[in-house]
Amino acid sequence: MESLPHSKVRRQIIIYLVEVLTLFAIYFTSARFGISLNAVGQFATLVWVPSGTAVAALLLFGYRLWPAILLGAFLSNLFNGAPLLAAVSIGVGNTLEALVGTFLFRNYGLSHDLDHVRDVLILVLLVMPLSAIISATIGVSSLSLGRAISLSSYAPTWSAWWIGDMISILILTPLFLTWSTWSRPRVSIQRMAEMGVLALFVLVVGLVAFLGLLQTDQRSYALTYLVFPPLIWAALRFGPRGTLSAIVALSSLAVVGTMQGFVTFSSGSVSENLLLLQCFMGIIAITSMFLAAVVAERRELERHKDEFIAIANHELKTPLTSLKGFAQFLQRRFVRAGDEESVGLLLRMDAQINRLASLIEDLLDVTRIEGGKLQFHEAYFPFDELVDEITEEAQHATEKHNILREGLAKETVYGDKDRIGQVITNFLSNAIKYSADSNEIIVKTAATDHQVSLCVQDFGPGIAKENQPYVFERFYRVDSATAQCHSGLGIGLYVSREIIKRQGGNIWVESEKGKGSTFGFTLPLKEKA
């Protein structure tokens, strides 16, 4: 029984050693590779994979892996000719860089998905430059004190060290972090095909822009802007994870092309060319990451909006349905009791409940429209029957107005009957509401060979010509004494316009101040298959 804790501790020690040795091997190997790429002052390289890898490792597996960084940095620089004390100092500086970067990342609560603008901003303005300054300053100062580099080469060596570490933390750390959060969801065939086309696009752009494919002028700087289309595509469709993958792929091809002297960044020494390249790729990476974060935030807002619609649809409608049921139950009881006054009050209450339900439905429709979630259930239906049904309902709702029907369409329309009925109801309710001083409303229907039309004419105060272009805009209300006397959110006509537009029709208003308004729409006719 006592051996279990010992075996568990032994296993944990073995796992820890394996993790440390693995990170050490990755760090040491990538460090030796980076130093071999024409390092400035023999020690500072502009292509430095270890920094980004180290910060990502500490973020994912904890601070406890710091010995791997210390040992990897120490040995890689010692084997490169650094004095013993300088190599130790460089190891300490590189370890502090990873520890500080990890601390800042966690302290400011940055998401591993890097899907918020705030996260990218803190990474770019704080985590990346500050942690890289520590490593560059300690490392270059140690080499200078150890006389491994001259005082005159201090500034260029420090600059190369700092930029190389920054670019590594900027690109590689987010790459590892975003892929660590991948939940491996099921991917559709269409999505896989799009990913494949994007990967091929990135490869072709990299070959053309950085490796001289199909290029006659080896210093055609304009071709480097070809990297924008695939990066924008990745940001819009695949988020930070896809964007960073594309950036790393393009950066790798760019480094190879620059080292070989193929294109673009090939005007000076290798170190100068790499400096230009890293600055260019850094700017591209920051721009693309911000775009991906903005798109990700918008998708998150859309998701919250969908959740709101689902909650509001249930939580707001359910109590209204109960209230309406109770009101109708009480109304029947008071009718049997002969209490006409109470019946009248309940009828007014029922009308207000219906009005509130309509307002809630309009608000939900606005949210659905903006999110592209407005649903239609289309079928063939007799247009005149729908108009007659809604006109009759509107007539029962008003005692003052006489609603006249003129003309017949005599056509069957293909569309969402309920949604089109919603538009007609909105026209009639507005006509009743805003024509309190008149007693007549006219509903006209007609048909041609290609479309049906409906017009609702009232004889109210009318709408000024300068206001007419805006009546179908969201939340717009005419600023007049008559309009201010009636409550409303100014969204009914906006929803009506979107419904008619998505049914392939047109909607309009004709009005003259003091003589009334006519609202109408047309819908296309479709032959039955």
Protein backbone atom coordinates (compact mmCIF):
# COMPACT_ATOMS: atom_id res chain seq x y z
CA MET A 1 0.00 0.00 0.00
CA GLU A 2 2.88 2.35 0.81
CA SER A 3 4.50 1.75 -2.58
CA LEU A 4 1.65 3.47 -4.47
CA PRO A 5 2.60 7.03 -3.50
CA HIS A 6 6.25 6.32 -4.37
CA SER A 7 5.35 4.89 -7.76
CA LYS A 8 3.10 7.83 -8.44
CA VAL A 9 5.86 10.29 -7.49
CA ARG A 10 8.34 8.34 -9.61
CA ARG A 11 5.99 8.47 -12.58
CA GLN A 12 5.49 12.22 -12.14
CA ILE A 13 9.27 12.73 -12.00
CA ILE A 14 9.73 10.70 -15.17
CA ILE A 15 6.98 12.67 -16.95
CA TYR A 16 8.54 15.93 -15.81
CA LEU A 17 12.00 14.90 -17.01
CA VAL A 18 10.60 13.83 -20.38
CA GLU A 19 8.84 17.20 -20.76
CA VAL A 20 11.99 19.13 -19.78
CA LEU A 21 14.21 17.10 -22.11
CA THR A 22 11.74 17.43 -24.97
CA LEU A 23 11.54 21.21 -24.61
CA PHE A 24 15.34 21.35 -24.23
CA ALA A 25 15.83 19.37 -27.45
CA ILE A 26 13.41 21.61 -29.36
CA TYR A 27 14.94 24.77 -27.94
CA PHE A 28 18.57 23.72 -28.50
CA THR A 29 17.98 22.43 -32.04
CA SER A 30 15.99 25.48 -33.17
CA ALA A 31 18.54 27.79 -31.50
CA ARG A 32 21.45 26.19 -33.34
CA PHE A 33 19.47 26.49 -36.58
CA GLY A 34 18.73 30.18 -35.97
CA ILE A 35 22.32 31.05 -35.10
CA SER A 36 23.48 29.39 -38.32
CA LEU A 37 21.43 31.86 -40.40
CA ASN A 38 24.08 34.56 -40.67
CA ALA A 39 23.73 35.82 -37.11
CA VAL A 40 24.57 39.47 -36.45
CA GLY A 41 27.70 39.66 -34.33
CA GLN A 42 27.79 35.84 -34.46
CA PHE A 43 25.10 35.53 -31.74
CA ALA A 44 21.96 37.52 -32.67
CA THR A 45 19.72 36.13 -35.38
CA LEU A 46 16.61 37.60 -36.92
CA VAL A 47 15.04 34.14 -37.34
CA TRP A 48 14.69 32.92 -33.76
CA VAL A 49 12.19 30.11 -33.15
CA PRO A 50 13.06 29.37 -29.46
CA SER A 51 11.51 32.51 -27.89
CA GLY A 52 7.99 31.92 -29.19
CA THR A 53 8.25 28.19 -28.48
CA ALA A 54 9.43 28.80 -24.91
CA VAL A 55 6.63 31.23 -24.01
CA ALA A 56 4.02 28.89 -25.49
CA ALA A 57 5.47 25.93 -23.58
CA LEU A 58 5.32 27.74 -20.23
CA LEU A 59 1.78 28.92 -20.93
CA LEU A 60 0.61 25.42 -21.82
CA PHE A 61 2.59 23.31 -19.34
CA GLY A 62 3.50 25.70 -16.55
CA TYR A 63 6.50 27.61 -15.19
CA ARG A 64 8.09 24.36 -14.03
CA LEU A 65 9.71 23.80 -17.46
CA TRP A 66 12.03 26.80 -17.08
CA PRO A 67 15.17 24.62 -16.61
CA ALA A 68 14.81 23.40 -20.20
CA ILE A 69 14.99 26.98 -21.46
CA LEU A 70 17.97 27.83 -19.24
CA LEU A 71 19.90 24.73 -20.30
CA GLY A 72 19.00 25.09 -24.02
CA ALA A 73 20.01 28.74 -24.20
CA PHE A 74 23.20 28.17 -22.20
CA LEU A 75 24.49 25.24 -24.26
CA SER A 76 23.52 26.65 -27.67
CA ASN A 77 25.46 29.86 -27.00
CA LEU A 78 28.36 28.08 -25.31
CA PHE A 79 28.80 25.86 -28.36
CA ASN A 80 28.63 28.97 -30.52
CA GLY A 81 31.74 30.40 -28.86
CA ALA A 82 30.32 32.54 -26.06
CA PRO A 83 32.41 32.81 -22.86
CA LEU A 84 31.14 30.62 -20.01
CA LEU A 85 29.79 33.46 -17.87
CA ALA A 86 28.24 35.14 -20.89
CA ALA A 87 26.54 31.88 -21.90
CA VAL A 88 25.15 31.52 -18.36
CA SER A 89 23.89 35.12 -18.44
CA ILE A 90 22.27 34.57 -21.84
CA GLY A 91 20.55 31.47 -20.48
CA VAL A 92 19.25 33.48 -17.53
CA GLY A 93 18.08 36.32 -19.82
CA ASN A 94 16.28 33.99 -22.22
CA THR A 95 14.63 32.20 -19.29
CA LEU A 96 13.49 35.51 -17.80
CA GLU A 97 12.12 36.49 -21.20
CA ALA A 98 9.88 33.41 -21.28
CA LEU A 99 8.87 33.77 -17.61
CA VAL A 100 8.00 37.46 -17.93
CA GLY A 101 6.13 36.90 -21.20
CA THR A 102 4.12 34.10 -19.60
CA PHE A 103 3.41 36.18 -16.49
CA LEU A 104 2.17 39.17 -18.52
CA PHE A 105 0.04 36.92 -20.71
CA ARG A 106 -1.64 35.34 -17.70
CA ASN A 107 -1.79 38.49 -15.57
CA TYR A 108 -3.78 40.36 -18.21
CA GLY A 109 -6.05 37.37 -18.81
CA LEU A 110 -5.29 36.95 -22.50
CA SER A 111 -7.25 34.18 -24.19
CA HIS A 112 -5.33 31.36 -25.85
CA ASP A 113 -7.65 31.81 -28.84
CA LEU A 114 -6.44 35.40 -29.39
CA ASP A 115 -9.97 36.15 -30.60
CA HIS A 116 -10.38 39.59 -29.02
CA VAL A 117 -8.83 42.86 -30.17
CA ARG A 118 -7.81 43.58 -26.57
CA ASP A 119 -5.78 40.35 -26.43
CA VAL A 120 -3.91 41.12 -29.66
CA LEU A 121 -3.33 44.71 -28.54
CA ILE A 122 -1.75 43.65 -25.23
CA LEU A 123 0.35 41.00 -26.97
CA VAL A 124 1.67 43.50 -29.51
CA LEU A 125 2.18 46.51 -27.25
CA LEU A 126 3.27 44.87 -23.99
CA VAL A 127 4.03 41.14 -23.93
CA MET A 128 6.05 40.97 -27.13
CA PRO A 129 8.34 44.03 -26.80
CA LEU A 130 8.86 43.98 -23.04
CA SER A 131 9.85 40.32 -22.73
CA ALA A 132 12.12 40.58 -25.79
CA ILE A 133 13.87 43.65 -24.31
CA ILE A 134 14.90 41.61 -21.26
CA SER A 135 16.53 38.88 -23.31
CA ALA A 136 18.21 41.23 -25.79
CA THR A 137 19.58 43.56 -23.12
CA ILE A 138 20.96 40.83 -20.83
CA GLY A 139 22.31 38.75 -23.71
CA VAL A 140 24.06 41.49 -25.67
CA SER A 141 25.38 43.19 -22.53
CA SER A 142 26.87 39.87 -21.33
CA LEU A 143 28.56 39.32 -24.68
CA SER A 144 29.91 42.88 -24.65
CA LEU A 145 31.28 42.55 -21.10
CA GLY A 146 32.78 39.19 -22.02
CA ARG A 147 34.38 40.83 -25.07
CA ALA A 148 32.68 38.40 -27.41
CA ILE A 149 31.44 41.37 -29.44
CA SER A 150 32.84 44.86 -29.87
CA LEU A 151 31.19 47.95 -28.47
CA SER A 152 30.53 49.25 -32.00
CA SER A 153 28.46 46.16 -32.83
CA TYR A 154 26.37 46.44 -29.64
CA ALA A 155 23.48 48.38 -31.26
CA PRO A 156 23.05 46.26 -34.42
CA THR A 157 23.41 43.06 -32.39
CA TRP A 158 20.83 44.26 -29.83
CA SER A 159 18.40 45.31 -32.60
CA ALA A 160 18.64 41.97 -34.39
CA TRP A 161 18.23 40.07 -31.10
CA TRP A 162 15.21 42.14 -30.05
CA ILE A 163 13.43 42.00 -33.42
CA GLY A 164 14.06 38.28 -33.84
CA ASP A 165 12.65 37.51 -30.39
CA MET A 166 9.64 39.81 -30.90
CA ILE A 167 8.65 38.26 -34.21
CA SER A 168 8.98 34.79 -32.71
CA ILE A 169 6.70 35.68 -29.77
CA LEU A 170 4.30 37.49 -32.10
CA ILE A 171 3.82 34.61 -34.54
CA LEU A 172 4.81 31.30 -32.95
CA THR A 173 3.38 31.73 -29.46
CA PRO A 174 -0.15 32.51 -30.74
CA LEU A 175 0.15 29.71 -33.31
CA PHE A 176 0.79 27.06 -30.64
CA LEU A 177 -1.82 28.54 -28.29
CA THR A 178 -4.63 28.73 -30.83
CA TRP A 179 -4.04 25.16 -31.99
CA SER A 180 -3.99 23.98 -28.36
CA THR A 181 -7.64 25.07 -28.03
CA TRP A 182 -8.79 23.25 -31.16
CA SER A 183 -11.69 21.01 -30.17
CA ARG A 184 -11.47 18.81 -33.30
CA PRO A 185 -15.08 19.31 -34.42
CA ARG A 186 -16.56 17.46 -37.35
CA VAL A 187 -15.69 19.35 -40.52
CA SER A 188 -17.95 19.28 -43.56
CA ILE A 189 -16.64 18.29 -46.97
CA GLN A 190 -17.21 21.83 -48.24
CA ARG A 191 -15.17 23.23 -45.34
CA MET A 192 -12.36 20.76 -45.98
CA ALA A 193 -12.37 21.68 -49.66
CA GLU A 194 -12.15 25.39 -48.81
CA MET A 195 -9.25 24.72 -46.43
CA GLY A 196 -7.46 22.79 -49.17
CA VAL A 197 -7.94 25.56 -51.72
CA LEU A 198 -6.71 28.16 -49.21
CA ALA A 199 -3.62 26.07 -48.40
CA LEU A 200 -2.86 25.75 -52.12
CA PHE A 201 -3.41 29.49 -52.55
CA VAL A 202 -0.97 30.26 -49.73
CA LEU A 203 1.63 27.93 -51.27
CA VAL A 204 1.31 29.48 -54.74
CA VAL A 205 1.49 33.04 -53.37
CA GLY A 206 4.57 32.13 -51.33
CA LEU A 207 6.30 30.61 -54.33
CA VAL A 208 5.49 33.57 -56.57
CA ALA A 209 6.17 36.36 -54.06
CA PHE A 210 9.22 34.97 -52.27
CA LEU A 211 10.78 32.17 -54.33
CA GLY A 212 10.74 33.78 -57.77
CA LEU A 213 8.20 31.48 -59.46
CA LEU A 214 7.03 33.03 -62.76
CA GLN A 215 9.04 36.14 -61.96
CA THR A 216 11.51 37.81 -64.26
CA ASP A 217 12.47 40.78 -62.11
CA GLN A 218 14.07 39.36 -58.98
CA ARG A 219 13.39 42.53 -57.00
CA SER A 220 9.72 43.09 -57.78
CA TYR A 221 8.53 44.50 -54.47
CA ALA A 222 4.93 44.82 -55.70
CA LEU A 223 4.54 41.03 -55.71
CA THR A 224 4.95 40.90 -51.92
CA TYR A 225 1.46 42.42 -51.62
CA LEU A 226 0.07 39.17 -52.99
CA VAL A 227 0.19 37.90 -49.39
CA PHE A 228 -2.85 40.02 -48.46
CA PRO A 229 -5.62 38.09 -50.31
CA PRO A 230 -4.91 34.68 -48.68
CA LEU A 231 -4.41 36.27 -45.25
CA ILE A 232 -7.67 38.20 -45.53
CA TRP A 233 -9.42 35.03 -46.66
CA ALA A 234 -7.98 33.13 -43.70
CA ALA A 235 -8.99 35.87 -41.24
CA LEU A 236 -12.56 36.12 -42.53
CA ARG A 237 -13.23 32.40 -42.83
CA PHE A 238 -10.91 30.56 -40.42
CA GLY A 239 -10.25 33.00 -37.58
CA PRO A 240 -6.97 33.53 -35.70
CA ARG A 241 -5.94 29.86 -35.97
CA GLY A 242 -6.16 29.80 -39.75
CA THR A 243 -4.62 33.25 -40.07
CA LEU A 244 -1.58 32.36 -37.97
CA SER A 245 -1.08 29.11 -39.88
CA ALA A 246 -1.05 31.05 -43.14
CA ILE A 247 1.37 33.64 -41.69
CA VAL A 248 3.81 30.95 -40.53
CA ALA A 249 3.67 29.21 -43.92
CA LEU A 250 4.32 32.45 -45.81
CA SER A 251 7.06 33.50 -43.38
CA SER A 252 8.85 30.18 -43.81
CA LEU A 253 8.79 30.49 -47.60
CA ALA A 254 9.90 34.12 -47.32
CA VAL A 255 12.90 33.21 -45.13
CA VAL A 256 13.97 30.50 -47.56
CA GLY A 257 13.62 32.86 -50.53
CA THR A 258 15.52 35.65 -48.80
CA MET A 259 18.35 33.36 -47.70
CA GLN A 260 18.69 32.07 -51.24
CA GLY A 261 18.59 35.60 -52.67
CA PHE A 262 15.65 34.88 -54.95
CA VAL A 263 13.41 37.92 -54.69
CA THR A 264 12.38 41.15 -53.05
CA PHE A 265 14.48 41.36 -49.86
CA SER A 266 17.79 40.71 -51.58
CA SER A 267 19.46 44.10 -51.90
CA GLY A 268 22.15 43.90 -49.23
CA SER A 269 23.75 41.44 -46.83
CA VAL A 270 21.78 38.46 -45.58
CA SER A 271 21.25 40.05 -42.17
CA GLU A 272 19.99 43.29 -43.73
CA ASN A 273 17.67 41.34 -46.00
CA LEU A 274 16.30 39.34 -43.07
CA LEU A 275 15.78 42.55 -41.10
CA LEU A 276 13.65 44.00 -43.91
CA LEU A 277 11.78 40.72 -44.24
CA GLN A 278 11.01 40.38 -40.54
CA CYS A 279 9.77 43.96 -40.31
CA PHE A 280 7.53 43.35 -43.32
CA MET A 281 6.17 40.05 -41.99
CA GLY A 282 5.70 41.58 -38.52
CA ILE A 283 3.49 44.33 -39.92
CA ILE A 284 1.57 41.81 -42.03
CA ALA A 285 1.11 39.51 -39.03
CA ILE A 286 -0.15 42.29 -36.74
CA THR A 287 -2.60 43.54 -39.36
CA SER A 288 -3.93 40.07 -40.09
CA MET A 289 -4.24 39.15 -36.40
CA PHE A 290 -6.25 42.31 -35.67
CA LEU A 291 -8.55 41.55 -38.61
CA ALA A 292 -9.03 37.96 -37.43
CA ALA A 293 -9.79 39.19 -33.89
CA VAL A 294 -12.38 41.68 -35.15
CA VAL A 295 -14.09 38.97 -37.21
CA ALA A 296 -14.01 36.58 -34.24
CA GLU A 297 -15.57 39.22 -31.97
CA ARG A 298 -18.32 39.83 -34.51
CA ARG A 299 -19.05 36.12 -34.67
CA GLU A 300 -19.25 36.02 -30.90
CA LEU A 301 -21.73 38.89 -30.93
CA GLU A 302 -23.79 37.02 -33.53
CA ARG A 303 -23.78 33.96 -31.29
CA HIS A 304 -24.95 36.05 -28.33
CA LYS A 305 -27.64 37.56 -30.53
CA ASP A 306 -28.90 34.10 -31.49
CA GLU A 307 -28.99 33.15 -27.82
CA PHE A 308 -30.92 36.33 -27.05
CA ILE A 309 -33.47 35.54 -29.75
CA ALA A 310 -33.99 32.05 -28.37
CA ILE A 311 -34.36 33.30 -24.78
CA ALA A 312 -36.54 36.28 -25.68
CA ASN A 313 -38.77 34.16 -27.87
CA HIS A 314 -39.56 31.96 -24.87
CA GLU A 315 -39.26 34.25 -21.87
CA LEU A 316 -41.21 37.18 -23.35
CA LYS A 317 -43.91 35.33 -25.24
CA THR A 318 -44.80 32.78 -22.56
CA PRO A 319 -46.04 35.29 -19.95
CA LEU A 320 -47.94 37.23 -22.62
CA THR A 321 -49.69 34.07 -23.74
CA SER A 322 -50.66 33.36 -20.13
CA LEU A 323 -51.93 36.93 -19.65
CA LYS A 324 -54.00 36.70 -22.81
CA GLY A 325 -55.47 33.39 -21.66
CA PHE A 326 -56.40 34.78 -18.25
CA ALA A 327 -57.93 37.90 -19.83
CA GLN A 328 -60.10 35.81 -22.16
CA PHE A 329 -61.15 33.56 -19.27
CA LEU A 330 -62.19 36.57 -17.15
CA GLN A 331 -63.93 38.11 -20.12
CA ARG A 332 -66.14 35.03 -20.55
CA ARG A 333 -67.00 35.05 -16.83
CA PHE A 334 -67.95 38.73 -16.84
CA VAL A 335 -70.04 38.22 -19.99
CA ARG A 336 -72.03 35.52 -18.22
CA ALA A 337 -72.35 37.80 -15.17
CA GLY A 338 -73.53 40.70 -17.34
CA ASP A 339 -70.76 43.04 -16.17
CA GLU A 340 -70.35 45.08 -19.36
CA GLU A 341 -67.95 47.58 -17.81
CA SER A 342 -65.47 44.85 -16.82
CA VAL A 343 -65.86 43.21 -20.23
CA GLY A 344 -64.97 46.50 -21.89
CA LEU A 345 -61.89 46.91 -19.71
CA LEU A 346 -60.75 43.38 -20.49
CA LEU A 347 -61.21 43.97 -24.21
CA ARG A 348 -58.95 47.01 -23.93
CA MET A 349 -56.48 44.93 -21.92
CA ASP A 350 -56.54 42.21 -24.58
CA ALA A 351 -55.88 44.81 -27.29
CA GLN A 352 -52.85 46.13 -25.36
CA ILE A 353 -51.53 42.59 -24.88
CA ASN A 354 -51.82 42.00 -28.63
CA ARG A 355 -50.03 45.28 -29.26
CA LEU A 356 -47.21 44.37 -26.86
CA ALA A 357 -46.88 40.95 -28.51
CA SER A 358 -46.62 42.65 -31.88
CA LEU A 359 -43.90 45.00 -30.62
CA ILE A 360 -41.92 42.08 -29.19
CA GLU A 361 -42.23 40.17 -32.46
CA ASP A 362 -41.05 43.22 -34.43
CA LEU A 363 -38.01 43.62 -32.16
CA LEU A 364 -37.17 39.95 -32.58
CA ASP A 365 -37.58 40.29 -36.34
CA VAL A 366 -35.12 43.21 -36.38
CA THR A 367 -32.60 41.05 -34.54
CA ARG A 368 -33.22 38.16 -36.94
CA ILE A 369 -32.85 40.42 -39.97
CA GLU A 370 -29.52 41.83 -38.79
CA GLY A 371 -28.25 38.33 -38.06
CA GLY A 372 -29.54 36.90 -41.34
CA LYS A 373 -31.83 34.57 -39.38
CA LEU A 374 -35.23 35.74 -40.64
CA GLN A 375 -36.96 32.57 -41.78
CA PHE A 376 -39.50 32.14 -44.56
CA HIS A 377 -41.84 29.23 -45.18
CA GLU A 378 -42.95 29.65 -48.77
CA ALA A 379 -45.93 28.05 -50.49
CA TYR A 380 -48.62 28.98 -53.01
CA PHE A 381 -51.67 30.80 -51.58
CA PRO A 382 -54.60 32.92 -52.92
CA PHE A 383 -53.56 36.53 -52.53
CA ASP A 384 -57.11 37.98 -52.36
CA GLU A 385 -58.12 35.59 -49.58
CA LEU A 386 -55.20 36.75 -47.43
CA VAL A 387 -56.03 40.42 -48.04
CA ASP A 388 -59.74 39.88 -47.24
CA GLU A 389 -58.92 37.98 -44.05
CA ILE A 390 -56.59 40.67 -42.71
CA THR A 391 -58.91 43.49 -43.78
CA GLU A 392 -61.77 41.86 -41.88
CA GLU A 393 -59.62 41.49 -38.75
CA ALA A 394 -58.57 45.15 -38.98
CA GLN A 395 -62.20 46.24 -39.41
CA HIS A 396 -63.15 44.44 -36.20
CA ALA A 397 -60.35 46.30 -34.40
CA THR A 398 -61.69 49.77 -35.29
CA GLU A 399 -65.18 51.15 -34.93
CA LYS A 400 -64.40 54.60 -36.27
CA HIS A 401 -62.95 53.67 -39.66
CA ASN A 402 -64.64 52.06 -42.62
CA ILE A 403 -62.15 49.93 -44.55
CA LEU A 404 -63.09 49.66 -48.23
CA ARG A 405 -61.82 46.98 -50.62
CA GLU A 406 -61.20 47.90 -54.24
CA GLY A 407 -60.09 45.60 -57.01
CA LEU A 408 -59.11 41.94 -57.09
CA ALA A 409 -55.79 40.34 -57.98
CA LYS A 410 -57.31 36.91 -58.76
CA GLU A 411 -53.83 35.38 -58.57
CA THR A 412 -52.03 32.76 -56.53
CA VAL A 413 -48.80 34.05 -55.01
CA TYR A 414 -45.74 32.01 -54.03
CA GLY A 415 -44.30 33.27 -50.74
CA ASP A 416 -44.54 33.21 -46.98
CA LYS A 417 -48.23 33.85 -46.30
CA ASP A 418 -47.73 34.82 -42.66
CA ARG A 419 -44.86 37.23 -43.39
CA ILE A 420 -46.74 38.94 -46.24
CA GLY A 421 -49.78 39.12 -43.97
CA GLN A 422 -47.56 40.78 -41.38
CA VAL A 423 -46.79 43.56 -43.89
CA ILE A 424 -50.48 44.10 -44.75
CA THR A 425 -51.35 44.19 -41.03
CA ASN A 426 -48.65 46.80 -40.45
CA PHE A 427 -49.97 48.98 -43.29
CA LEU A 428 -53.53 48.82 -41.95
CA SER A 429 -52.60 49.39 -38.30
CA ASN A 430 -50.58 52.46 -39.28
CA ALA A 431 -53.45 53.77 -41.39
CA ILE A 432 -55.85 53.37 -38.47
CA LYS A 433 -53.42 54.88 -35.98
CA TYR A 434 -52.44 57.96 -37.99
CA SER A 435 -55.80 58.88 -39.54
CA ALA A 436 -57.78 59.61 -36.39
CA ASP A 437 -59.53 62.61 -38.04
CA SER A 438 -60.83 60.64 -41.03
CA ASN A 439 -63.16 57.66 -41.19
CA GLU A 440 -62.17 55.92 -44.38
CA ILE A 441 -59.31 53.62 -45.44
CA ILE A 442 -59.02 52.05 -48.89
CA VAL A 443 -57.32 48.74 -49.63
CA LYS A 444 -56.59 48.20 -53.33
CA THR A 445 -55.29 45.05 -55.01
CA ALA A 446 -54.44 44.47 -58.66
CA ALA A 447 -52.43 42.16 -60.89
CA THR A 448 -50.50 42.26 -64.13
CA ASP A 449 -48.88 39.47 -66.11
CA HIS A 450 -45.84 39.45 -63.86
CA GLN A 451 -46.84 40.72 -60.42
CA VAL A 452 -49.55 41.49 -57.90
CA SER A 453 -49.83 44.76 -56.01
CA LEU A 454 -51.46 46.03 -52.84
CA CYS A 455 -52.00 49.62 -51.69
CA VAL A 456 -53.38 50.90 -48.40
CA GLN A 457 -54.57 54.50 -48.61
CA ASP A 458 -55.45 56.66 -45.63
CA PHE A 459 -56.62 60.27 -45.39
CA GLY A 460 -54.55 61.35 -42.42
CA PRO A 461 -52.00 64.16 -42.06
CA GLY A 462 -49.61 62.73 -44.65
CA ILE A 463 -45.83 62.69 -44.67
CA ALA A 464 -43.64 65.56 -45.80
CA LYS A 465 -41.71 64.91 -48.99
CA GLU A 466 -38.32 65.27 -47.28
CA ASN A 467 -39.24 62.58 -44.75
CA GLN A 468 -40.54 59.99 -47.20
CA PRO A 469 -37.13 58.48 -48.16
CA TYR A 470 -36.55 57.54 -44.51
CA VAL A 471 -39.86 56.01 -43.40
CA PHE A 472 -38.63 52.46 -44.06
CA GLU A 473 -35.42 52.97 -42.08
CA ARG A 474 -34.93 51.20 -38.76
CA PHE A 475 -36.21 53.13 -35.69
CA TYR A 476 -37.22 56.12 -37.83
CA ARG A 477 -40.26 58.11 -36.74
CA VAL A 478 -41.55 61.23 -38.44
CA ASP A 479 -40.91 64.22 -36.20
CA SER A 480 -44.38 65.72 -36.14
CA ALA A 481 -47.03 66.45 -33.55
CA THR A 482 -49.27 63.68 -34.90
CA ALA A 483 -46.52 61.06 -34.80
CA GLN A 484 -45.48 62.02 -31.29
CA CYS A 485 -49.03 61.45 -30.05
CA HIS A 486 -48.79 57.76 -30.95
CA SER A 487 -46.37 55.33 -29.32
CA GLY A 488 -44.19 53.08 -31.40
CA LEU A 489 -40.60 52.04 -32.02
CA GLY A 490 -40.37 52.87 -35.72
CA ILE A 491 -39.49 49.32 -36.76
CA GLY A 492 -42.71 48.01 -38.34
CA LEU A 493 -42.05 49.54 -41.76
CA TYR A 494 -38.38 48.53 -41.60
CA VAL A 495 -39.38 44.90 -41.02
CA SER A 496 -42.01 45.18 -43.78
CA ARG A 497 -39.41 46.44 -46.25
CA GLU A 498 -37.06 43.56 -45.45
CA ILE A 499 -39.85 40.99 -45.83
CA ILE A 500 -40.98 42.32 -49.20
CA LYS A 501 -37.38 42.68 -50.41
CA ARG A 502 -36.57 39.09 -49.49
CA GLN A 503 -39.72 37.92 -51.25
CA GLY A 504 -38.43 39.55 -54.43
CA GLY A 505 -40.85 42.49 -54.38
CA ASN A 506 -40.78 46.28 -54.07
CA ILE A 507 -42.26 48.53 -51.40
CA TRP A 508 -43.03 52.25 -51.58
CA VAL A 509 -44.89 55.19 -50.11
CA GLU A 510 -46.73 58.07 -51.77
CA SER A 511 -47.89 60.93 -49.61
CA GLU A 512 -48.90 64.57 -49.69
CA LYS A 513 -48.87 66.71 -46.58
CA GLY A 514 -52.40 67.20 -45.27
CA LYS A 515 -54.01 64.76 -47.76
CA GLY A 516 -52.97 61.33 -46.51
CA SER A 517 -50.58 58.55 -47.46
CA THR A 518 -50.57 55.44 -49.62
CA PHE A 519 -48.30 52.53 -48.72
CA GLY A 520 -47.95 49.71 -51.22
CA PHE A 521 -45.91 46.76 -52.41
CA THR A 522 -45.64 44.43 -55.38
CA LEU A 523 -44.78 40.75 -55.43
CA PRO A 524 -43.63 38.74 -58.45
CA LEU A 525 -45.81 35.96 -59.81
CA LYS A 526 -44.29 32.51 -60.20
CA GLU A 527 -45.77 29.74 -62.25
CA LYS A 528 -46.34 26.41 -60.56
CA ALA A 529 -43.85 23.79 -61.66
